[in-house]
């Protein structure tokens, strides 16, 4: 079997937990439910403090509810998470029947406010069963990471059953309350330390295809941006590094800065000064 790191996910449904006993198991991390809908989990404070006390890496879970106001749920979660969202990226639990609107809003708000690339906890059955009439799934895939729920009762295969569209997973819930991180302990430490941060880039280019001295990337086009403008992009969007050491990054722009025309879904490539985070 591949080298994975074992961890937990807990909530008030587990009652009062003996964290000292858990620390004697192989568990290295704990995802702790902070709220269901907009209601704080009754055991959250105790679980959060005790997981830290026994030196486990920690992450927040928000279980969204389909019958509660989306904005209210997300706002309460982000407000709580801004104070301390732990070592690992926060996760949204989709198991209570929420739709893509809930997930989309949660992912955008969490990513924008906390500066992290969050996790979506889902199963192949739940994800594949969500109707997507506006191509929202494709957008979400680039802004979140997968925590896959796939319980195993007959041995432990190398990989879980994946939902459609996803190609990799970071966490795998293989049984009730028990999870794997996709990597070894050293990789988990690096992952926790980085917190999957969103990368900030500073644009140096000032060119548009067809203009004088356009910046050239073979097979791609260029778009004008104001000098010094700051955008956000993920490491996954780094697409080209030339022999000169200049890095290029793919971004999405809502309008052409020159003529203000709508160019949604237009893949634009800009030169960056440095990559932070």
C-alpha atoms as a PDB file:
ATOM      1  CA  UNK A   1       0.000   0.000   0.000  1.00  0.00           C
ATOM      2  CA  UNK A   2       1.184   3.533  -0.714  1.00  0.00           C
ATOM      3  CA  UNK A   3       2.518   5.564   2.207  1.00  0.00           C
ATOM      4  CA  UNK A   4      -0.354   7.505   3.769  1.00  0.00           C
ATOM      5  CA  UNK A   5      -0.718   9.349   7.100  1.00  0.00           C
ATOM      6  CA  UNK A   6      -3.635   8.446   9.336  1.00  0.00           C
ATOM      7  CA  UNK A   7      -5.893  11.100  10.892  1.00  0.00           C
ATOM      8  CA  UNK A   8      -9.340  11.826  12.311  1.00  0.00           C
ATOM      9  CA  UNK A   9     -12.460  13.846  11.744  1.00  0.00           C
ATOM     10  CA  UNK A  10     -14.567  14.601  14.824  1.00  0.00           C
ATOM     11  CA  UNK A  11     -17.646  16.496  15.954  1.00  0.00           C
ATOM     12  CA  UNK A  12     -20.161  16.660  18.805  1.00  0.00           C
ATOM     13  CA  UNK A  13     -21.533  13.364  17.497  1.00  0.00           C
ATOM     14  CA  UNK A  14     -18.446  11.688  18.973  1.00  0.00           C
ATOM     15  CA  UNK A  15     -19.248  12.980  22.463  1.00  0.00           C
ATOM     16  CA  UNK A  16     -16.395  13.795  24.853  1.00  0.00           C
ATOM     17  CA  UNK A  17     -13.152  12.546  23.318  1.00  0.00           C
ATOM     18  CA  UNK A  18     -10.112  11.232  25.179  1.00  0.00           C
ATOM     19  CA  UNK A  19      -7.462  13.046  23.150  1.00  0.00           C
ATOM     20  CA  UNK A  20      -4.571  11.600  25.164  1.00  0.00           C
ATOM     21  CA  UNK A  21      -5.700   8.126  24.189  1.00  0.00           C
ATOM     22  CA  UNK A  22      -6.052   9.169  20.559  1.00  0.00           C
ATOM     23  CA  UNK A  23      -2.532  10.544  20.539  1.00  0.00           C
ATOM     24  CA  UNK A  24      -1.316   7.040  21.337  1.00  0.00           C
ATOM     25  CA  UNK A  25      -2.819   5.826  18.063  1.00  0.00           C
ATOM     26  CA  UNK A  26      -1.270   6.480  14.639  1.00  0.00           C
ATOM     27  CA  UNK A  27      -3.367   9.641  14.132  1.00  0.00           C
ATOM     28  CA  UNK A  28      -1.271  12.663  13.157  1.00  0.00           C
ATOM     29  CA  UNK A  29      -3.991  15.164  12.240  1.00  0.00           C
ATOM     30  CA  UNK A  30      -7.587  16.015  13.104  1.00  0.00           C
ATOM     31  CA  UNK A  31     -10.315  17.737  11.150  1.00  0.00           C
ATOM     32  CA  UNK A  32     -12.747  19.249  13.629  1.00  0.00           C
ATOM     33  CA  UNK A  33     -16.279  20.374  12.836  1.00  0.00           C
ATOM     34  CA  UNK A  34     -16.734  23.995  13.791  1.00  0.00           C
ATOM     35  CA  UNK A  35     -20.383  24.365  12.815  1.00  0.00           C
ATOM     36  CA  UNK A  36     -23.371  22.751  11.164  1.00  0.00           C
ATOM     37  CA  UNK A  37     -25.155  25.321   9.045  1.00  0.00           C
ATOM     38  CA  UNK A  38     -24.716  28.460  11.135  1.00  0.00           C
ATOM     39  CA  UNK A  39     -24.763  26.692  14.524  1.00  0.00           C
ATOM     40  CA  UNK A  40     -21.506  26.139  16.414  1.00  0.00           C
ATOM     41  CA  UNK A  41     -20.669  22.508  17.176  1.00  0.00           C
ATOM     42  CA  UNK A  42     -21.088  21.903  20.915  1.00  0.00           C
ATOM     43  CA  UNK A  43     -17.740  20.152  21.271  1.00  0.00           C
ATOM     44  CA  UNK A  44     -15.754  22.417  18.949  1.00  0.00           C
ATOM     45  CA  UNK A  45     -13.894  24.493  21.544  1.00  0.00           C
ATOM     46  CA  UNK A  46     -12.866  21.458  23.602  1.00  0.00           C
ATOM     47  CA  UNK A  47     -11.841  19.448  20.539  1.00  0.00           C
ATOM     48  CA  UNK A  48      -9.917  22.354  19.000  1.00  0.00           C
ATOM     49  CA  UNK A  49      -7.953  23.064  22.175  1.00  0.00           C
ATOM     50  CA  UNK A  50      -7.242  19.428  22.972  1.00  0.00           C
ATOM     51  CA  UNK A  51      -6.079  18.560  19.457  1.00  0.00           C
ATOM     52  CA  UNK A  52      -3.573  21.386  19.773  1.00  0.00           C
ATOM     53  CA  UNK A  53      -2.535  20.230  23.246  1.00  0.00           C
ATOM     54  CA  UNK A  54      -1.617  16.754  21.972  1.00  0.00           C
ATOM     55  CA  UNK A  55       0.221  18.311  18.999  1.00  0.00           C
ATOM     56  CA  UNK A  56      -2.001  17.165  16.141  1.00  0.00           C
ATOM     57  CA  UNK A  57      -2.239  19.183  12.950  1.00  0.00           C
ATOM     58  CA  UNK A  58      -5.723  20.711  12.869  1.00  0.00           C
ATOM     59  CA  UNK A  59      -8.240  21.779  10.251  1.00  0.00           C
ATOM     60  CA  UNK A  60     -11.810  23.114  10.308  1.00  0.00           C
ATOM     61  CA  UNK A  61     -14.898  21.413   8.874  1.00  0.00           C
ATOM     62  CA  UNK A  62     -18.056  23.339   8.027  1.00  0.00           C
ATOM     63  CA  UNK A  63     -21.093  21.128   7.423  1.00  0.00           C
ATOM     64  CA  UNK A  64     -23.411  23.193   5.225  1.00  0.00           C
ATOM     65  CA  UNK A  65     -27.177  22.716   5.372  1.00  0.00           C
ATOM     66  CA  UNK A  66     -29.439  22.929   2.299  1.00  0.00           C
ATOM     67  CA  UNK A  67     -32.370  24.559   4.126  1.00  0.00           C
ATOM     68  CA  UNK A  68     -30.407  27.462   5.665  1.00  0.00           C
ATOM     69  CA  UNK A  69     -29.440  30.767   4.087  1.00  0.00           C
ATOM     70  CA  UNK A  70     -26.182  30.328   2.150  1.00  0.00           C
ATOM     71  CA  UNK A  71     -24.791  33.778   2.909  1.00  0.00           C
ATOM     72  CA  UNK A  72     -25.494  33.481   6.631  1.00  0.00           C
ATOM     73  CA  UNK A  73     -23.743  30.110   6.852  1.00  0.00           C
ATOM     74  CA  UNK A  74     -20.689  31.225   4.913  1.00  0.00           C
ATOM     75  CA  UNK A  75     -20.376  34.559   6.726  1.00  0.00           C
ATOM     76  CA  UNK A  76     -20.456  32.925  10.143  1.00  0.00           C
ATOM     77  CA  UNK A  77     -17.894  30.347   9.116  1.00  0.00           C
ATOM     78  CA  UNK A  78     -15.476  32.846   7.580  1.00  0.00           C
ATOM     79  CA  UNK A  79     -15.772  35.146  10.608  1.00  0.00           C
ATOM     80  CA  UNK A  80     -14.837  32.252  12.897  1.00  0.00           C
ATOM     81  CA  UNK A  81     -12.095  30.949  10.627  1.00  0.00           C
ATOM     82  CA  UNK A  82     -10.444  34.349  10.263  1.00  0.00           C
ATOM     83  CA  UNK A  83      -9.405  34.146  13.930  1.00  0.00           C
ATOM     84  CA  UNK A  84      -7.726  30.739  13.650  1.00  0.00           C
ATOM     85  CA  UNK A  85      -8.257  28.168  10.912  1.00  0.00           C
ATOM     86  CA  UNK A  86      -5.513  25.873  12.127  1.00  0.00           C
ATOM     87  CA  UNK A  87      -2.719  24.211  10.182  1.00  0.00           C
ATOM     88  CA  UNK A  88      -4.662  22.557   7.364  1.00  0.00           C
ATOM     89  CA  UNK A  89      -6.963  24.105   4.741  1.00  0.00           C
ATOM     90  CA  UNK A  90     -10.610  24.364   5.865  1.00  0.00           C
ATOM     91  CA  UNK A  91     -13.131  21.907   4.428  1.00  0.00           C
ATOM     92  CA  UNK A  92     -16.788  22.104   3.450  1.00  0.00           C
ATOM     93  CA  UNK A  93     -18.875  19.001   4.155  1.00  0.00           C
ATOM     94  CA  UNK A  94     -21.360  18.369   1.309  1.00  0.00           C
ATOM     95  CA  UNK A  95     -22.985  15.271   2.815  1.00  0.00           C
ATOM     96  CA  UNK A  96     -26.268  16.906   3.932  1.00  0.00           C
ATOM     97  CA  UNK A  97     -27.660  17.444   0.440  1.00  0.00           C
ATOM     98  CA  UNK A  98     -26.365  20.909  -0.424  1.00  0.00           C
ATOM     99  CA  UNK A  99     -26.156  21.976  -4.064  1.00  0.00           C
ATOM    100  CA  UNK A 100     -23.447  23.491  -6.195  1.00  0.00           C
ATOM    101  CA  UNK A 101     -24.602  27.006  -5.281  1.00  0.00           C
ATOM    102  CA  UNK A 102     -23.702  26.335  -1.649  1.00  0.00           C
ATOM    103  CA  UNK A 103     -20.322  24.848  -2.537  1.00  0.00           C
ATOM    104  CA  UNK A 104     -19.480  27.543  -5.079  1.00  0.00           C
ATOM    105  CA  UNK A 105     -20.248  30.376  -2.655  1.00  0.00           C
ATOM    106  CA  UNK A 106     -18.380  28.711   0.213  1.00  0.00           C
ATOM    107  CA  UNK A 107     -15.267  27.978  -1.839  1.00  0.00           C
ATOM    108  CA  UNK A 108     -15.098  31.516  -3.261  1.00  0.00           C
ATOM    109  CA  UNK A 109     -15.619  33.247   0.087  1.00  0.00           C
ATOM    110  CA  UNK A 110     -13.220  31.003   1.998  1.00  0.00           C
ATOM    111  CA  UNK A 111     -10.512  31.287  -0.615  1.00  0.00           C
ATOM    112  CA  UNK A 112     -10.840  35.044  -0.998  1.00  0.00           C
ATOM    113  CA  UNK A 113     -11.096  35.888   2.711  1.00  0.00           C
ATOM    114  CA  UNK A 114      -8.573  33.413   4.114  1.00  0.00           C
ATOM    115  CA  UNK A 115      -6.149  33.211   1.196  1.00  0.00           C
ATOM    116  CA  UNK A 116      -6.149  29.406   1.128  1.00  0.00           C
ATOM    117  CA  UNK A 117      -7.234  26.770  -1.351  1.00  0.00           C
ATOM    118  CA  UNK A 118      -9.936  24.888   0.621  1.00  0.00           C
ATOM    119  CA  UNK A 119     -11.105  21.286   0.570  1.00  0.00           C
ATOM    120  CA  UNK A 120     -14.420  19.832  -0.565  1.00  0.00           C
ATOM    121  CA  UNK A 121     -15.492  16.742   1.395  1.00  0.00           C
ATOM    122  CA  UNK A 122     -17.647  14.622  -0.888  1.00  0.00           C
ATOM    123  CA  UNK A 123     -18.125  11.131  -2.305  1.00  0.00           C
ATOM    124  CA  UNK A 124     -18.328   9.940  -5.894  1.00  0.00           C
ATOM    125  CA  UNK A 125     -22.062   9.366  -5.489  1.00  0.00           C
ATOM    126  CA  UNK A 126     -22.786  12.811  -4.039  1.00  0.00           C
ATOM    127  CA  UNK A 127     -20.600  14.745  -6.488  1.00  0.00           C
ATOM    128  CA  UNK A 128     -21.720  12.836  -9.567  1.00  0.00           C
ATOM    129  CA  UNK A 129     -25.346  13.299  -8.568  1.00  0.00           C
ATOM    130  CA  UNK A 130     -25.160  17.105  -8.464  1.00  0.00           C
ATOM    131  CA  UNK A 131     -26.799  18.682 -11.505  1.00  0.00           C
ATOM    132  CA  UNK A 132     -24.532  21.175 -13.222  1.00  0.00           C
ATOM    133  CA  UNK A 133     -26.363  23.242 -15.850  1.00  0.00           C
ATOM    134  CA  UNK A 134     -23.974  26.233 -15.735  1.00  0.00           C
ATOM    135  CA  UNK A 135     -20.588  24.481 -15.820  1.00  0.00           C
ATOM    136  CA  UNK A 136     -19.985  25.416 -12.171  1.00  0.00           C
ATOM    137  CA  UNK A 137     -18.103  22.207 -11.403  1.00  0.00           C
ATOM    138  CA  UNK A 138     -15.340  23.087 -13.834  1.00  0.00           C
ATOM    139  CA  UNK A 139     -14.857  26.414 -12.080  1.00  0.00           C
ATOM    140  CA  UNK A 140     -14.840  24.830  -8.613  1.00  0.00           C
ATOM    141  CA  UNK A 141     -12.255  22.225  -9.626  1.00  0.00           C
ATOM    142  CA  UNK A 142      -9.636  24.906 -10.161  1.00  0.00           C
ATOM    143  CA  UNK A 143     -10.266  26.596  -6.832  1.00  0.00           C
ATOM    144  CA  UNK A 144     -10.538  23.709  -4.362  1.00  0.00           C
ATOM    145  CA  UNK A 145      -8.973  20.390  -3.385  1.00  0.00           C
ATOM    146  CA  UNK A 146     -10.624  17.021  -2.844  1.00  0.00           C
ATOM    147  CA  UNK A 147     -11.300  15.196   0.404  1.00  0.00           C
ATOM    148  CA  UNK A 148     -12.881  11.988  -0.820  1.00  0.00           C
ATOM    149  CA  UNK A 149     -15.274   9.872   1.258  1.00  0.00           C
ATOM    150  CA  UNK A 150     -15.006   6.227   0.214  1.00  0.00           C
ATOM    151  CA  UNK A 151     -15.362   3.716   3.031  1.00  0.00           C
ATOM    152  CA  UNK A 152     -13.576   0.400   2.566  1.00  0.00           C
ATOM    153  CA  UNK A 153     -14.769  -2.827   4.180  1.00  0.00           C
ATOM    154  CA  UNK A 154     -12.831  -5.421   2.187  1.00  0.00           C
ATOM    155  CA  UNK A 155      -9.208  -4.465   2.549  1.00  0.00           C
ATOM    156  CA  UNK A 156      -7.506  -1.196   1.682  1.00  0.00           C
ATOM    157  CA  UNK A 157      -6.861  -0.522  -2.010  1.00  0.00           C
ATOM    158  CA  UNK A 158      -4.180   1.858  -3.210  1.00  0.00           C
ATOM    159  CA  UNK A 159      -6.690   4.537  -4.234  1.00  0.00           C
ATOM    160  CA  UNK A 160     -10.295   5.438  -3.401  1.00  0.00           C
ATOM    161  CA  UNK A 161     -13.120   5.485  -5.930  1.00  0.00           C
ATOM    162  CA  UNK A 162     -12.911   8.968  -7.422  1.00  0.00           C
ATOM    163  CA  UNK A 163     -15.809  11.235  -8.410  1.00  0.00           C
ATOM    164  CA  UNK A 164     -16.052  12.377 -12.021  1.00  0.00           C
ATOM    165  CA  UNK A 165     -13.887  15.371 -13.034  1.00  0.00           C
ATOM    166  CA  UNK A 166     -11.368  14.998 -10.184  1.00  0.00           C
ATOM    167  CA  UNK A 167      -7.919  13.580 -10.881  1.00  0.00           C
ATOM    168  CA  UNK A 168      -6.268  13.701  -7.447  1.00  0.00           C
ATOM    169  CA  UNK A 169      -7.156  13.670  -3.767  1.00  0.00           C
ATOM    170  CA  UNK A 170      -5.478  15.129  -0.666  1.00  0.00           C
ATOM    171  CA  UNK A 171      -7.497  13.409   2.063  1.00  0.00           C
ATOM    172  CA  UNK A 172      -9.430  10.149   2.002  1.00  0.00           C
ATOM    173  CA  UNK A 173     -12.049   9.171   4.579  1.00  0.00           C
ATOM    174  CA  UNK A 174     -11.743   5.386   4.419  1.00  0.00           C
ATOM    175  CA  UNK A 175     -13.948   4.629   7.445  1.00  0.00           C
ATOM    176  CA  UNK A 176     -16.164   6.377   9.967  1.00  0.00           C
ATOM    177  CA  UNK A 177     -14.025   9.138  11.446  1.00  0.00           C
ATOM    178  CA  UNK A 178     -10.778   7.768  10.008  1.00  0.00           C
ATOM    179  CA  UNK A 179      -8.838   9.363   7.182  1.00  0.00           C
ATOM    180  CA  UNK A 180      -5.619   9.237   5.194  1.00  0.00           C
ATOM    181  CA  UNK A 181      -3.488  12.112   4.005  1.00  0.00           C
ATOM    182  CA  UNK A 182      -2.071  11.430   0.529  1.00  0.00           C
ATOM    183  CA  UNK A 183       1.628  11.386   1.395  1.00  0.00           C
ATOM    184  CA  UNK A 184       4.043  10.669   4.224  1.00  0.00           C
ATOM    185  CA  UNK A 185       4.526  12.546   7.496  1.00  0.00           C
ATOM    186  CA  UNK A 186       7.125  14.884   5.996  1.00  0.00           C
ATOM    187  CA  UNK A 187       4.766  15.762   3.148  1.00  0.00           C
ATOM    188  CA  UNK A 188       1.943  16.433   5.626  1.00  0.00           C
ATOM    189  CA  UNK A 189       4.202  18.738   7.604  1.00  0.00           C
ATOM    190  CA  UNK A 190       5.059  20.682   4.476  1.00  0.00           C
ATOM    191  CA  UNK A 191       1.402  20.777   3.426  1.00  0.00           C
ATOM    192  CA  UNK A 192       0.345  22.024   6.860  1.00  0.00           C
ATOM    193  CA  UNK A 193       3.061  24.645   6.916  1.00  0.00           C
ATOM    194  CA  UNK A 194       2.154  25.982   3.494  1.00  0.00           C
ATOM    195  CA  UNK A 195      -1.590  25.918   4.195  1.00  0.00           C
ATOM    196  CA  UNK A 196      -2.115  25.658   0.435  1.00  0.00           C
ATOM    197  CA  UNK A 197      -1.667  29.420   0.128  1.00  0.00           C
ATOM    198  CA  UNK A 198      -2.871  31.346  -2.866  1.00  0.00           C
ATOM    199  CA  UNK A 199       0.053  32.761  -4.806  1.00  0.00           C
ATOM    200  CA  UNK A 200       0.335  36.520  -5.332  1.00  0.00           C
ATOM    201  CA  UNK A 201       1.985  37.812  -8.481  1.00  0.00           C
ATOM    202  CA  UNK A 202       3.034  41.250  -9.722  1.00  0.00           C
ATOM    203  CA  UNK A 203       2.572  41.887 -13.421  1.00  0.00           C
ATOM    204  CA  UNK A 204       5.339  43.531 -15.439  1.00  0.00           C
ATOM    205  CA  UNK A 205       3.920  43.291 -18.939  1.00  0.00           C
ATOM    206  CA  UNK A 206       2.034  45.979 -20.781  1.00  0.00           C
ATOM    207  CA  UNK A 207       1.296  44.434 -24.145  1.00  0.00           C
ATOM    208  CA  UNK A 208      -1.620  43.210 -26.237  1.00  0.00           C
ATOM    209  CA  UNK A 209      -1.526  40.947 -29.294  1.00  0.00           C
ATOM    210  CA  UNK A 210      -1.063  43.112 -32.379  1.00  0.00           C
ATOM    211  CA  UNK A 211       0.558  45.996 -30.499  1.00  0.00           C
ATOM    212  CA  UNK A 212       4.158  47.108 -30.977  1.00  0.00           C
ATOM    213  CA  UNK A 213       6.699  44.734 -29.412  1.00  0.00           C
ATOM    214  CA  UNK A 214       4.186  42.283 -27.965  1.00  0.00           C
ATOM    215  CA  UNK A 215       5.410  39.839 -25.339  1.00  0.00           C
ATOM    216  CA  UNK A 216       5.495  36.451 -27.012  1.00  0.00           C
ATOM    217  CA  UNK A 217       4.747  33.007 -25.657  1.00  0.00           C
ATOM    218  CA  UNK A 218       4.570  30.389 -28.442  1.00  0.00           C
ATOM    219  CA  UNK A 219       0.985  29.491 -29.214  1.00  0.00           C
ATOM    220  CA  UNK A 220      -0.498  31.935 -26.716  1.00  0.00           C
ATOM    221  CA  UNK A 221      -1.817  35.498 -26.713  1.00  0.00           C
ATOM    222  CA  UNK A 222      -1.084  38.499 -24.505  1.00  0.00           C
ATOM    223  CA  UNK A 223      -3.310  41.062 -22.801  1.00  0.00           C
ATOM    224  CA  UNK A 224      -2.604  44.579 -21.479  1.00  0.00           C
ATOM    225  CA  UNK A 225      -2.623  45.062 -17.723  1.00  0.00           C
ATOM    226  CA  UNK A 226      -1.809  48.145 -15.740  1.00  0.00           C
ATOM    227  CA  UNK A 227       1.804  48.066 -14.564  1.00  0.00           C
ATOM    228  CA  UNK A 228       2.069  46.933 -10.950  1.00  0.00           C
ATOM    229  CA  UNK A 229      -1.420  45.462 -10.847  1.00  0.00           C
ATOM    230  CA  UNK A 230      -1.666  42.521  -8.438  1.00  0.00           C
ATOM    231  CA  UNK A 231      -3.574  39.348  -9.275  1.00  0.00           C
ATOM    232  CA  UNK A 232      -4.012  36.056  -7.494  1.00  0.00           C
ATOM    233  CA  UNK A 233      -3.400  32.667  -9.047  1.00  0.00           C
ATOM    234  CA  UNK A 234      -2.576  29.152  -7.911  1.00  0.00           C
ATOM    235  CA  UNK A 235       0.569  27.154  -8.484  1.00  0.00           C
ATOM    236  CA  UNK A 236      -1.450  24.923 -10.795  1.00  0.00           C
ATOM    237  CA  UNK A 237      -1.903  27.847 -13.154  1.00  0.00           C
ATOM    238  CA  UNK A 238       1.822  28.284 -13.774  1.00  0.00           C
ATOM    239  CA  UNK A 239       2.073  27.258 -17.388  1.00  0.00           C
ATOM    240  CA  UNK A 240       5.439  28.192 -18.883  1.00  0.00           C
ATOM    241  CA  UNK A 241       8.992  29.046 -17.916  1.00  0.00           C
ATOM    242  CA  UNK A 242      11.313  30.086 -20.738  1.00  0.00           C
ATOM    243  CA  UNK A 243      15.051  29.598 -21.006  1.00  0.00           C
ATOM    244  CA  UNK A 244      15.503  33.175 -19.778  1.00  0.00           C
ATOM    245  CA  UNK A 245      13.938  32.239 -16.452  1.00  0.00           C
ATOM    246  CA  UNK A 246      10.847  34.392 -17.059  1.00  0.00           C
ATOM    247  CA  UNK A 247       7.759  32.695 -15.646  1.00  0.00           C
ATOM    248  CA  UNK A 248       4.354  32.978 -17.259  1.00  0.00           C
ATOM    249  CA  UNK A 249       1.082  32.500 -15.460  1.00  0.00           C
ATOM    250  CA  UNK A 250      -2.433  31.896 -16.778  1.00  0.00           C
ATOM    251  CA  UNK A 251      -5.194  34.136 -15.432  1.00  0.00           C
ATOM    252  CA  UNK A 252      -8.851  34.858 -16.168  1.00  0.00           C
ATOM    253  CA  UNK A 253      -9.795  38.460 -16.974  1.00  0.00           C
ATOM    254  CA  UNK A 254     -13.429  39.702 -17.073  1.00  0.00           C
ATOM    255  CA  UNK A 255     -12.824  42.563 -19.517  1.00  0.00           C
ATOM    256  CA  UNK A 256     -10.236  43.677 -22.012  1.00  0.00           C
ATOM    257  CA  UNK A 257      -8.381  46.593 -20.337  1.00  0.00           C
ATOM    258  CA  UNK A 258      -8.088  48.316 -23.709  1.00  0.00           C
ATOM    259  CA  UNK A 259     -11.615  48.238 -25.144  1.00  0.00           C
ATOM    260  CA  UNK A 260     -13.531  47.021 -22.050  1.00  0.00           C
ATOM    261  CA  UNK A 261     -15.116  44.217 -24.067  1.00  0.00           C
ATOM    262  CA  UNK A 262     -16.276  41.125 -22.184  1.00  0.00           C
ATOM    263  CA  UNK A 263     -13.717  38.367 -22.572  1.00  0.00           C
ATOM    264  CA  UNK A 264     -14.825  35.845 -19.974  1.00  0.00           C
ATOM    265  CA  UNK A 265     -13.056  32.469 -20.269  1.00  0.00           C
ATOM    266  CA  UNK A 266     -10.330  34.104 -22.355  1.00  0.00           C
ATOM    267  CA  UNK A 267      -6.987  32.501 -21.397  1.00  0.00           C
ATOM    268  CA  UNK A 268      -4.525  35.347 -20.990  1.00  0.00           C
ATOM    269  CA  UNK A 269      -0.847  35.042 -20.220  1.00  0.00           C
ATOM    270  CA  UNK A 270       1.119  37.650 -18.294  1.00  0.00           C
ATOM    271  CA  UNK A 271       4.706  37.950 -17.167  1.00  0.00           C
ATOM    272  CA  UNK A 272       5.326  38.078 -13.411  1.00  0.00           C
ATOM    273  CA  UNK A 273       8.075  39.614 -11.338  1.00  0.00           C
ATOM    274  CA  UNK A 274       7.986  37.152  -8.469  1.00  0.00           C
ATOM    275  CA  UNK A 275       5.912  34.443  -6.880  1.00  0.00           C
ATOM    276  CA  UNK A 276       5.139  34.811  -3.183  1.00  0.00           C
ATOM    277  CA  UNK A 277       3.619  32.474  -0.618  1.00  0.00           C
END
